[in-house]
């Protein structure tokens, strides 16, 4: 058993027999309860040297204990000595990013934590001097800077990852971000359901067939743009069985998640047919442009404005979310998630939305100005029969002919302005 001795002035020491000798460990100026807790951890360490069993609480305490006290424990053999490091924030971050292997889009987001850490701590700050209180102040600075809660959460998680990496390589002795609250990563304020009527206007405003297809692939196929849409090859199109193989660079590092097969929805097929008819002989990729990873978002937002609409937040993501919301009203969620390429948990937290049509069905009322839920679309539930296009470029296959007519006003004040509704009857022959 160890003894806790008060030396006066708020200073304490722990005395105990260990290794056949009487040991004294001066633990400094503390509150009595804090000193008593440290005495308990020291007793646990002594007991673990015999039993080999260390409580998780004491193990976590050893991991986060200040270097000076840790050195005192190491001198008498209670814990292994820590590797001393003179790493700075700058050298740590440089070493981390020199070896990180992630997708380009992920790297851009991870670089945000680099900027946030350097801005607050500076590159010259010694890593060993950053404690949990400093981490709390850093997170508070992100809040004061006006960052969204989801951005703060992602930044905290990346900082935690960087320090875990540093600890494994001896560049840090503890992770001050380990217990730092990350917060919610979901920002429902940016969720927008993009109606079929609105997207029809946007597609009509698109400059060419490839852009019309890009928009349709995202809104009606649920593809990620640009990664999945630009990876689509003509060999991935199964015209006969109405299926598309979607390759997913974002999830390919997960076993069995590198690709998925989705229906060739009629809303996609008409635009895919048009691009096929215009494609040059021997074309490999469905979308022939933007092979160098151009940022498509600014151009897309211009198209939305050209359609007379106000660009919505998370421009491409909300198209995928709108499609998953539609499909989930008709098909089992596990089927929808397999088509969209996410999990039920991700779908519930980041994709599925409550629409005006849900409220209408719940109240038993149907009005002329209620947006029609996409999941009720006859085009999705009952695909039109279509012939397989000829692959000989010399034989032209006529693109589907669509008739569009104005049928009323849809929209709800506060969500988006009322816009003309369209009913579309398309032939895919």
Protein backbone atom coordinates (compact mmCIF):
# COMPACT_ATOMS: atom_id res chain seq x y z
CA UNK A 1 0.00 0.00 0.00
CA UNK A 2 1.11 3.51 -0.77
CA UNK A 3 0.91 6.45 1.61
CA UNK A 4 -0.10 9.97 0.64
CA UNK A 5 1.82 12.61 2.55
CA UNK A 6 1.00 16.32 2.61
CA UNK A 7 4.20 18.39 2.67
CA UNK A 8 2.42 21.71 3.24
CA UNK A 9 1.57 24.47 0.81
CA UNK A 10 -0.69 22.11 -1.14
CA UNK A 11 2.23 19.85 -2.14
CA UNK A 12 1.99 16.07 -1.89
CA UNK A 13 4.23 13.03 -2.21
CA UNK A 14 3.49 9.33 -2.43
CA UNK A 15 5.63 6.85 -0.49
CA UNK A 16 5.53 3.12 -1.14
CA UNK A 17 7.61 -0.06 -1.12
CA UNK A 18 8.46 -1.22 -4.62
CA UNK A 19 11.25 -3.34 -6.02
CA UNK A 20 12.55 -4.11 -2.54
CA UNK A 21 13.07 -0.43 -1.72
CA UNK A 22 11.20 2.41 -0.14
CA UNK A 23 10.20 4.82 -2.92
CA UNK A 24 9.20 8.49 -2.80
CA UNK A 25 7.33 10.12 -5.68
CA UNK A 26 6.73 13.84 -5.40
CA UNK A 27 3.55 14.61 -7.30
CA UNK A 28 3.44 18.39 -6.84
CA UNK A 29 0.90 20.98 -5.78
CA UNK A 30 -2.61 19.56 -6.11
CA UNK A 31 -6.04 19.45 -4.56
CA UNK A 32 -6.38 16.61 -2.00
CA UNK A 33 -8.82 14.66 -4.20
CA UNK A 34 -6.48 14.93 -7.18
CA UNK A 35 -3.52 13.75 -5.10
CA UNK A 36 -5.52 10.82 -3.74
CA UNK A 37 -6.52 9.79 -7.29
CA UNK A 38 -2.86 9.82 -8.39
CA UNK A 39 -1.94 7.69 -5.36
CA UNK A 40 -4.58 5.17 -6.48
CA UNK A 41 -3.12 5.01 -10.01
CA UNK A 42 0.39 4.50 -8.60
CA UNK A 43 -0.89 1.60 -6.47
CA UNK A 44 -2.53 0.09 -9.56
CA UNK A 45 0.76 0.34 -11.46
CA UNK A 46 2.60 -1.44 -8.66
CA UNK A 47 -0.03 -4.18 -8.59
CA UNK A 48 0.06 -4.56 -12.38
CA UNK A 49 3.83 -5.20 -12.22
CA UNK A 50 2.97 -8.44 -10.38
CA UNK A 51 -0.38 -9.47 -11.93
CA UNK A 52 0.16 -8.10 -15.42
CA UNK A 53 -3.35 -6.64 -15.30
CA UNK A 54 -3.76 -2.89 -15.61
CA UNK A 55 -7.14 -1.18 -15.37
CA UNK A 56 -8.20 0.84 -18.46
CA UNK A 57 -8.55 3.97 -16.32
CA UNK A 58 -4.97 3.75 -15.07
CA UNK A 59 -3.70 2.92 -18.55
CA UNK A 60 -5.38 6.06 -19.93
CA UNK A 61 -3.98 8.11 -17.03
CA UNK A 62 -0.44 6.90 -17.80
CA UNK A 63 -0.90 7.84 -21.44
CA UNK A 64 -1.87 11.42 -20.63
CA UNK A 65 0.18 12.12 -17.50
CA UNK A 66 2.59 15.09 -17.84
CA UNK A 67 6.13 14.27 -18.89
CA UNK A 68 7.76 15.27 -15.58
CA UNK A 69 5.59 12.96 -13.46
CA UNK A 70 5.84 10.22 -16.07
CA UNK A 71 9.66 10.45 -15.83
CA UNK A 72 9.49 10.00 -12.03
CA UNK A 73 7.37 6.86 -12.47
CA UNK A 74 9.77 5.56 -15.14
CA UNK A 75 12.84 6.09 -12.92
CA UNK A 76 11.58 3.57 -10.38
CA UNK A 77 10.33 1.12 -13.00
CA UNK A 78 6.56 1.61 -12.75
CA UNK A 79 6.24 2.55 -16.46
CA UNK A 80 8.49 2.45 -19.54
CA UNK A 81 10.35 5.67 -20.28
CA UNK A 82 8.77 7.91 -22.88
CA UNK A 83 10.59 8.71 -26.07
CA UNK A 84 11.56 12.36 -25.85
CA UNK A 85 10.68 14.49 -28.81
CA UNK A 86 11.41 18.01 -29.89
CA UNK A 87 8.91 17.83 -32.75
CA UNK A 88 7.14 21.03 -33.67
CA UNK A 89 3.67 21.39 -35.12
CA UNK A 90 5.26 22.25 -38.47
CA UNK A 91 7.55 19.20 -38.62
CA UNK A 92 4.76 16.88 -37.44
CA UNK A 93 2.31 18.08 -40.09
CA UNK A 94 4.95 17.99 -42.83
CA UNK A 95 5.83 14.40 -41.96
CA UNK A 96 2.18 13.35 -41.77
CA UNK A 97 1.16 14.81 -45.12
CA UNK A 98 4.30 13.53 -46.83
CA UNK A 99 3.13 9.98 -46.24
CA UNK A 100 -0.65 10.26 -46.32
CA UNK A 101 -2.36 8.27 -49.09
CA UNK A 102 -5.93 9.44 -49.63
CA UNK A 103 -8.16 10.60 -52.48
CA UNK A 104 -7.51 14.15 -53.76
CA UNK A 105 -10.85 15.45 -52.44
CA UNK A 106 -10.14 13.95 -49.01
CA UNK A 107 -6.68 15.51 -49.01
CA UNK A 108 -8.21 18.93 -49.60
CA UNK A 109 -10.43 18.49 -46.54
CA UNK A 110 -7.54 17.16 -44.45
CA UNK A 111 -5.44 20.18 -45.38
CA UNK A 112 -8.05 22.32 -43.64
CA UNK A 113 -6.95 20.90 -40.29
CA UNK A 114 -3.34 21.75 -41.14
CA UNK A 115 -4.30 25.39 -41.68
CA UNK A 116 -6.41 25.47 -38.50
CA UNK A 117 -3.63 23.98 -36.34
CA UNK A 118 -0.90 26.24 -37.71
CA UNK A 119 -3.05 29.34 -37.40
CA UNK A 120 -3.72 28.66 -33.72
CA UNK A 121 -0.50 27.04 -32.49
CA UNK A 122 2.04 28.27 -35.13
CA UNK A 123 4.50 25.94 -36.86
CA UNK A 124 7.18 26.51 -34.19
CA UNK A 125 5.07 25.27 -31.25
CA UNK A 126 6.61 22.22 -29.56
CA UNK A 127 4.21 19.29 -29.79
CA UNK A 128 5.04 18.23 -26.22
CA UNK A 129 3.68 21.52 -24.85
CA UNK A 130 0.18 21.04 -26.30
CA UNK A 131 -2.18 19.61 -23.69
CA UNK A 132 -5.89 18.95 -23.41
CA UNK A 133 -6.60 22.51 -22.25
CA UNK A 134 -4.83 23.81 -25.38
CA UNK A 135 -6.95 21.49 -27.52
CA UNK A 136 -10.10 22.86 -25.88
CA UNK A 137 -9.00 26.42 -26.65
CA UNK A 138 -8.25 25.44 -30.24
CA UNK A 139 -11.76 24.03 -30.74
CA UNK A 140 -13.24 27.16 -29.15
CA UNK A 141 -11.29 29.26 -31.68
CA UNK A 142 -12.95 27.35 -34.52
CA UNK A 143 -16.37 28.13 -33.05
CA UNK A 144 -15.48 31.80 -32.66
CA UNK A 145 -14.28 31.90 -36.26
CA UNK A 146 -17.81 30.96 -37.36
CA UNK A 147 -17.16 27.48 -38.75
CA UNK A 148 -20.20 25.24 -39.16
CA UNK A 149 -20.62 22.48 -36.55
CA UNK A 150 -20.08 19.77 -39.17
CA UNK A 151 -16.83 21.43 -40.30
CA UNK A 152 -15.61 21.68 -36.71
CA UNK A 153 -16.42 18.03 -36.11
CA UNK A 154 -14.50 16.90 -39.18
CA UNK A 155 -11.53 19.12 -38.29
CA UNK A 156 -11.35 17.75 -34.73
CA UNK A 157 -11.46 14.16 -36.00
CA UNK A 158 -8.62 14.85 -38.44
CA UNK A 159 -6.53 16.47 -35.68
CA UNK A 160 -7.10 13.37 -33.55
CA UNK A 161 -5.96 11.21 -36.47
CA UNK A 162 -2.79 13.26 -37.00
CA UNK A 163 -1.78 12.95 -33.34
CA UNK A 164 -2.49 9.20 -33.26
CA UNK A 165 -0.15 8.88 -36.21
CA UNK A 166 2.47 11.01 -34.40
CA UNK A 167 2.28 8.86 -31.26
CA UNK A 168 2.90 5.67 -33.23
CA UNK A 169 6.05 7.23 -34.64
CA UNK A 170 7.35 8.69 -31.39
CA UNK A 171 6.72 12.30 -32.44
CA UNK A 172 4.20 12.84 -29.62
CA UNK A 173 3.84 11.22 -26.21
CA UNK A 174 0.10 11.86 -25.81
CA UNK A 175 -2.92 12.83 -27.89
CA UNK A 176 -4.49 16.01 -26.48
CA UNK A 177 -7.37 15.67 -28.97
CA UNK A 178 -8.32 12.12 -27.89
CA UNK A 179 -11.11 13.22 -25.54
CA UNK A 180 -11.98 16.44 -27.36
CA UNK A 181 -15.65 16.57 -28.30
CA UNK A 182 -16.01 16.48 -32.06
CA UNK A 183 -19.71 17.30 -32.33
CA UNK A 184 -22.29 16.48 -34.95
CA UNK A 185 -21.24 15.99 -38.56
CA UNK A 186 -24.74 16.44 -39.92
CA UNK A 187 -25.96 19.87 -41.01
CA UNK A 188 -29.66 19.48 -41.79
CA UNK A 189 -29.92 23.18 -42.60
CA UNK A 190 -28.15 22.49 -45.91
CA UNK A 191 -30.43 19.61 -46.93
CA UNK A 192 -32.59 20.45 -49.94
CA UNK A 193 -35.02 18.20 -51.78
CA UNK A 194 -34.65 19.02 -55.49
CA UNK A 195 -37.97 18.31 -57.16
CA UNK A 196 -38.42 16.69 -60.55
CA UNK A 197 -39.97 19.89 -61.84
CA UNK A 198 -36.92 21.92 -60.83
CA UNK A 199 -34.40 19.47 -62.24
CA UNK A 200 -36.34 19.30 -65.52
CA UNK A 201 -35.82 23.05 -65.91
CA UNK A 202 -32.11 22.67 -65.09
CA UNK A 203 -31.63 19.85 -67.58
CA UNK A 204 -33.36 21.95 -70.26
CA UNK A 205 -30.91 24.78 -69.51
CA UNK A 206 -27.84 22.53 -69.82
CA UNK A 207 -25.58 23.44 -72.77
CA UNK A 208 -25.20 19.97 -74.33
CA UNK A 209 -25.99 16.25 -74.09
CA UNK A 210 -23.07 15.41 -71.79
CA UNK A 211 -24.14 17.99 -69.24
CA UNK A 212 -27.75 16.81 -69.42
CA UNK A 213 -26.50 13.28 -68.75
CA UNK A 214 -24.26 14.37 -65.87
CA UNK A 215 -27.22 16.00 -64.14
CA UNK A 216 -29.49 13.01 -64.79
CA UNK A 217 -26.87 10.55 -63.52
CA UNK A 218 -26.71 12.42 -60.23
CA UNK A 219 -30.41 13.22 -59.75
CA UNK A 220 -31.92 9.99 -61.09
CA UNK A 221 -29.04 7.52 -60.77
CA UNK A 222 -27.62 8.75 -57.48
CA UNK A 223 -24.07 8.81 -58.84
CA UNK A 224 -21.37 10.87 -57.15
CA UNK A 225 -20.21 13.70 -59.40
CA UNK A 226 -17.54 13.99 -60.58
CA UNK A 227 -15.84 10.77 -59.39
CA UNK A 228 -18.39 8.09 -60.31
CA UNK A 229 -19.86 9.86 -63.33
CA UNK A 230 -16.46 10.45 -64.94
CA UNK A 231 -15.42 6.84 -64.25
CA UNK A 232 -18.41 5.47 -66.20
CA UNK A 233 -17.39 3.55 -69.34
CA UNK A 234 -19.46 2.38 -72.26
CA UNK A 235 -18.56 -1.18 -71.29
CA UNK A 236 -20.38 -0.55 -67.99
CA UNK A 237 -23.69 -0.03 -69.80
CA UNK A 238 -25.83 -3.17 -70.13
CA UNK A 239 -28.45 -1.93 -72.55
CA UNK A 240 -30.17 -5.28 -72.90
CA UNK A 241 -30.77 -5.82 -69.16
CA UNK A 242 -31.20 -2.16 -68.25
CA UNK A 243 -28.29 -2.03 -65.82
CA UNK A 244 -25.31 0.20 -65.13
CA UNK A 245 -22.09 -0.80 -63.40
CA UNK A 246 -20.92 2.13 -61.29
CA UNK A 247 -17.26 2.26 -60.27
CA UNK A 248 -16.70 4.14 -57.01
CA UNK A 249 -13.23 5.64 -56.43
CA UNK A 250 -14.42 6.90 -53.03
CA UNK A 251 -15.20 3.44 -51.62
CA UNK A 252 -12.89 1.20 -53.64
CA UNK A 253 -10.50 0.79 -50.70
CA UNK A 254 -13.27 -1.05 -48.81
CA UNK A 255 -13.52 -4.74 -49.64
CA UNK A 256 -16.36 -5.41 -52.06
CA UNK A 257 -17.27 -1.72 -52.33
CA UNK A 258 -15.34 -0.81 -55.46
CA UNK A 259 -18.38 -1.00 -57.71
CA UNK A 260 -22.13 -1.48 -57.63
CA UNK A 261 -24.84 -2.24 -60.18
CA UNK A 262 -27.87 0.03 -60.48
CA UNK A 263 -30.94 -0.02 -62.72
CA UNK A 264 -30.70 1.89 -65.96
CA UNK A 265 -33.59 4.12 -64.95
CA UNK A 266 -35.67 5.53 -67.83
CA UNK A 267 -34.85 9.07 -66.69
CA UNK A 268 -31.18 8.28 -67.34
CA UNK A 269 -31.56 6.16 -70.45
CA UNK A 270 -32.86 8.89 -72.72
CA UNK A 271 -29.86 11.11 -71.98
CA UNK A 272 -27.40 8.22 -72.13
CA UNK A 273 -28.79 7.30 -75.56
CA UNK A 274 -28.23 10.85 -76.80
CA UNK A 275 -24.59 10.85 -75.67
CA UNK A 276 -24.06 7.38 -77.14
CA UNK A 277 -25.32 8.50 -80.55
CA UNK A 278 -22.92 11.47 -80.55
CA UNK A 279 -19.89 9.59 -79.19
CA UNK A 280 -16.92 9.15 -81.54
CA UNK A 281 -15.91 5.71 -82.74
CA UNK A 282 -13.90 3.83 -80.12
CA UNK A 283 -14.89 6.08 -77.21
CA UNK A 284 -14.14 4.48 -73.84
CA UNK A 285 -15.61 6.87 -71.30
CA UNK A 286 -19.24 7.95 -71.35
CA UNK A 287 -18.34 11.51 -70.38
CA UNK A 288 -15.54 12.44 -72.73
CA UNK A 289 -14.59 15.78 -71.20
CA UNK A 290 -13.23 16.81 -67.80
CA UNK A 291 -10.79 13.91 -67.64
CA UNK A 292 -8.35 16.01 -65.61
CA UNK A 293 -10.63 16.38 -62.61
CA UNK A 294 -12.05 19.85 -63.30
CA UNK A 295 -14.31 21.44 -60.69
CA UNK A 296 -17.79 21.05 -62.18
CA UNK A 297 -19.64 22.85 -59.39
CA UNK A 298 -19.21 26.48 -60.58
CA UNK A 299 -20.43 25.58 -64.07
CA UNK A 300 -23.37 23.63 -62.67
CA UNK A 301 -24.43 26.55 -60.49
CA UNK A 302 -24.38 28.79 -63.58
CA UNK A 303 -26.68 26.30 -65.33
CA UNK A 304 -29.08 26.38 -62.38
CA UNK A 305 -29.19 30.18 -62.52
CA UNK A 306 -29.76 30.01 -66.29
CA UNK A 307 -32.80 27.84 -65.53
CA UNK A 308 -34.21 30.67 -63.44
CA UNK A 309 -33.57 28.97 -60.08
CA UNK A 310 -31.42 29.83 -57.09
CA UNK A 311 -28.53 27.37 -56.63
CA UNK A 312 -29.08 25.19 -53.58
CA UNK A 313 -26.46 24.21 -51.00
CA UNK A 314 -24.31 21.10 -51.57
CA UNK A 315 -25.24 21.26 -55.22
CA UNK A 316 -24.43 17.70 -56.33
CA UNK A 317 -24.90 15.93 -52.99
CA UNK A 318 -28.48 17.12 -52.66
CA UNK A 319 -29.29 15.56 -56.04
CA UNK A 320 -28.12 12.17 -54.72
CA UNK A 321 -30.01 12.74 -51.48
CA UNK A 322 -33.19 13.65 -53.38
CA UNK A 323 -32.97 10.47 -55.41
CA UNK A 324 -32.42 8.29 -52.34
CA UNK A 325 -35.39 9.95 -50.65
CA UNK A 326 -37.56 9.19 -53.68
CA UNK A 327 -36.49 5.58 -53.99
CA UNK A 328 -36.84 4.92 -50.25
CA UNK A 329 -40.56 5.68 -50.54
CA UNK A 330 -41.00 2.76 -52.94
CA UNK A 331 -38.22 0.21 -52.42
CA UNK A 332 -36.76 -1.44 -49.28
CA UNK A 333 -34.01 0.69 -47.75
CA UNK A 334 -31.36 -2.02 -48.08
CA UNK A 335 -32.06 -2.12 -51.83
CA UNK A 336 -31.91 1.65 -52.14
CA UNK A 337 -28.62 1.82 -50.20
CA UNK A 338 -27.14 -0.83 -52.49
CA UNK A 339 -28.05 1.32 -55.51
CA UNK A 340 -26.90 4.62 -54.00
CA UNK A 341 -23.72 3.15 -52.51
CA UNK A 342 -24.06 4.01 -48.82
CA UNK A 343 -25.25 2.40 -45.58
CA UNK A 344 -28.54 2.70 -43.75
CA UNK A 345 -26.85 4.75 -41.03
CA UNK A 346 -25.31 7.19 -43.53
CA UNK A 347 -28.60 7.39 -45.42
CA UNK A 348 -30.54 8.24 -42.26
CA UNK A 349 -28.01 10.83 -41.09
CA UNK A 350 -27.03 12.53 -44.33
CA UNK A 351 -29.45 11.69 -47.17
CA UNK A 352 -33.08 10.91 -46.34
CA UNK A 353 -35.40 13.90 -46.11
CA UNK A 354 -39.04 14.63 -45.31
CA UNK A 355 -40.81 15.99 -48.39
CA UNK A 356 -44.03 17.86 -49.02
CA UNK A 357 -45.50 14.66 -50.45
CA UNK A 358 -44.92 12.92 -47.12
CA UNK A 359 -46.98 15.59 -45.35
CA UNK A 360 -49.73 15.33 -47.97
CA UNK A 361 -50.00 11.55 -47.62
CA UNK A 362 -49.89 11.79 -43.82
CA UNK A 363 -52.82 14.23 -43.72
CA UNK A 364 -54.79 12.33 -46.36
CA UNK A 365 -55.04 15.34 -48.65
CA UNK A 366 -54.00 15.69 -52.28
CA UNK A 367 -53.86 19.16 -53.76
CA UNK A 368 -53.01 20.42 -57.17
CA UNK A 369 -49.96 22.30 -55.98
CA UNK A 370 -48.33 19.45 -54.00
CA UNK A 371 -45.04 18.25 -55.47
CA UNK A 372 -45.33 14.70 -56.70
CA UNK A 373 -42.97 12.40 -54.86
CA UNK A 374 -40.39 10.88 -57.16
CA UNK A 375 -40.87 7.46 -55.63
CA UNK A 376 -44.38 7.47 -57.15
CA UNK A 377 -43.05 8.20 -60.60
CA UNK A 378 -44.34 5.76 -63.16
CA UNK A 379 -41.09 6.21 -65.02
CA UNK A 380 -39.15 4.62 -62.19
CA UNK A 381 -41.62 1.91 -61.21
CA UNK A 382 -42.53 0.75 -64.69
CA UNK A 383 -39.53 1.15 -67.01
CA UNK A 384 -40.48 1.43 -70.64
CA UNK A 385 -39.32 -1.36 -72.89
CA UNK A 386 -36.47 -0.36 -75.10
CA UNK A 387 -34.36 -1.83 -77.81
CA UNK A 388 -30.66 -2.33 -77.41
CA UNK A 389 -28.85 0.34 -79.43
CA UNK A 390 -26.58 -0.79 -82.22
CA UNK A 391 -22.90 -0.35 -81.41
CA UNK A 392 -21.89 0.18 -85.08
CA UNK A 393 -21.29 3.89 -85.35
CA UNK A 394 -22.44 3.90 -88.95
CA UNK A 395 -26.00 2.99 -87.96
CA UNK A 396 -27.58 5.86 -86.15
CA UNK A 397 -30.16 5.11 -83.45
CA UNK A 398 -32.66 7.90 -82.94
CA UNK A 399 -32.53 9.43 -79.47
CA UNK A 400 -35.67 9.15 -77.31
CA UNK A 401 -38.31 11.71 -77.99
CA UNK A 402 -39.80 13.44 -74.96
CA UNK A 403 -42.95 15.50 -74.85
CA UNK A 404 -43.08 18.07 -72.07
CA UNK A 405 -46.19 19.96 -71.12
CA UNK A 406 -46.95 22.41 -68.37
CA UNK A 407 -49.42 20.96 -65.87
CA UNK A 408 -49.56 23.31 -62.92
CA UNK A 409 -47.65 25.03 -60.20
CA UNK A 410 -45.64 23.25 -57.54
CA UNK A 411 -43.54 24.37 -54.65
CA UNK A 412 -44.06 25.55 -51.13
CA UNK A 413 -43.26 28.96 -49.78
CA UNK A 414 -40.06 28.94 -47.81
CA UNK A 415 -38.52 25.99 -49.63
CA UNK A 416 -38.27 27.10 -53.22
CA UNK A 417 -40.30 29.37 -55.47
CA UNK A 418 -43.28 27.93 -57.25
CA UNK A 419 -42.23 26.64 -60.65
CA UNK A 420 -44.15 25.10 -63.54
CA UNK A 421 -44.65 21.36 -63.12
CA UNK A 422 -43.98 19.07 -66.03
CA UNK A 423 -45.27 15.64 -66.84
CA UNK A 424 -42.91 13.81 -69.16
CA UNK A 425 -43.77 10.87 -71.36
CA UNK A 426 -40.69 9.45 -72.99
CA UNK A 427 -40.24 6.78 -75.58
CA UNK A 428 -37.01 4.85 -75.26
CA UNK A 429 -37.41 2.97 -78.52
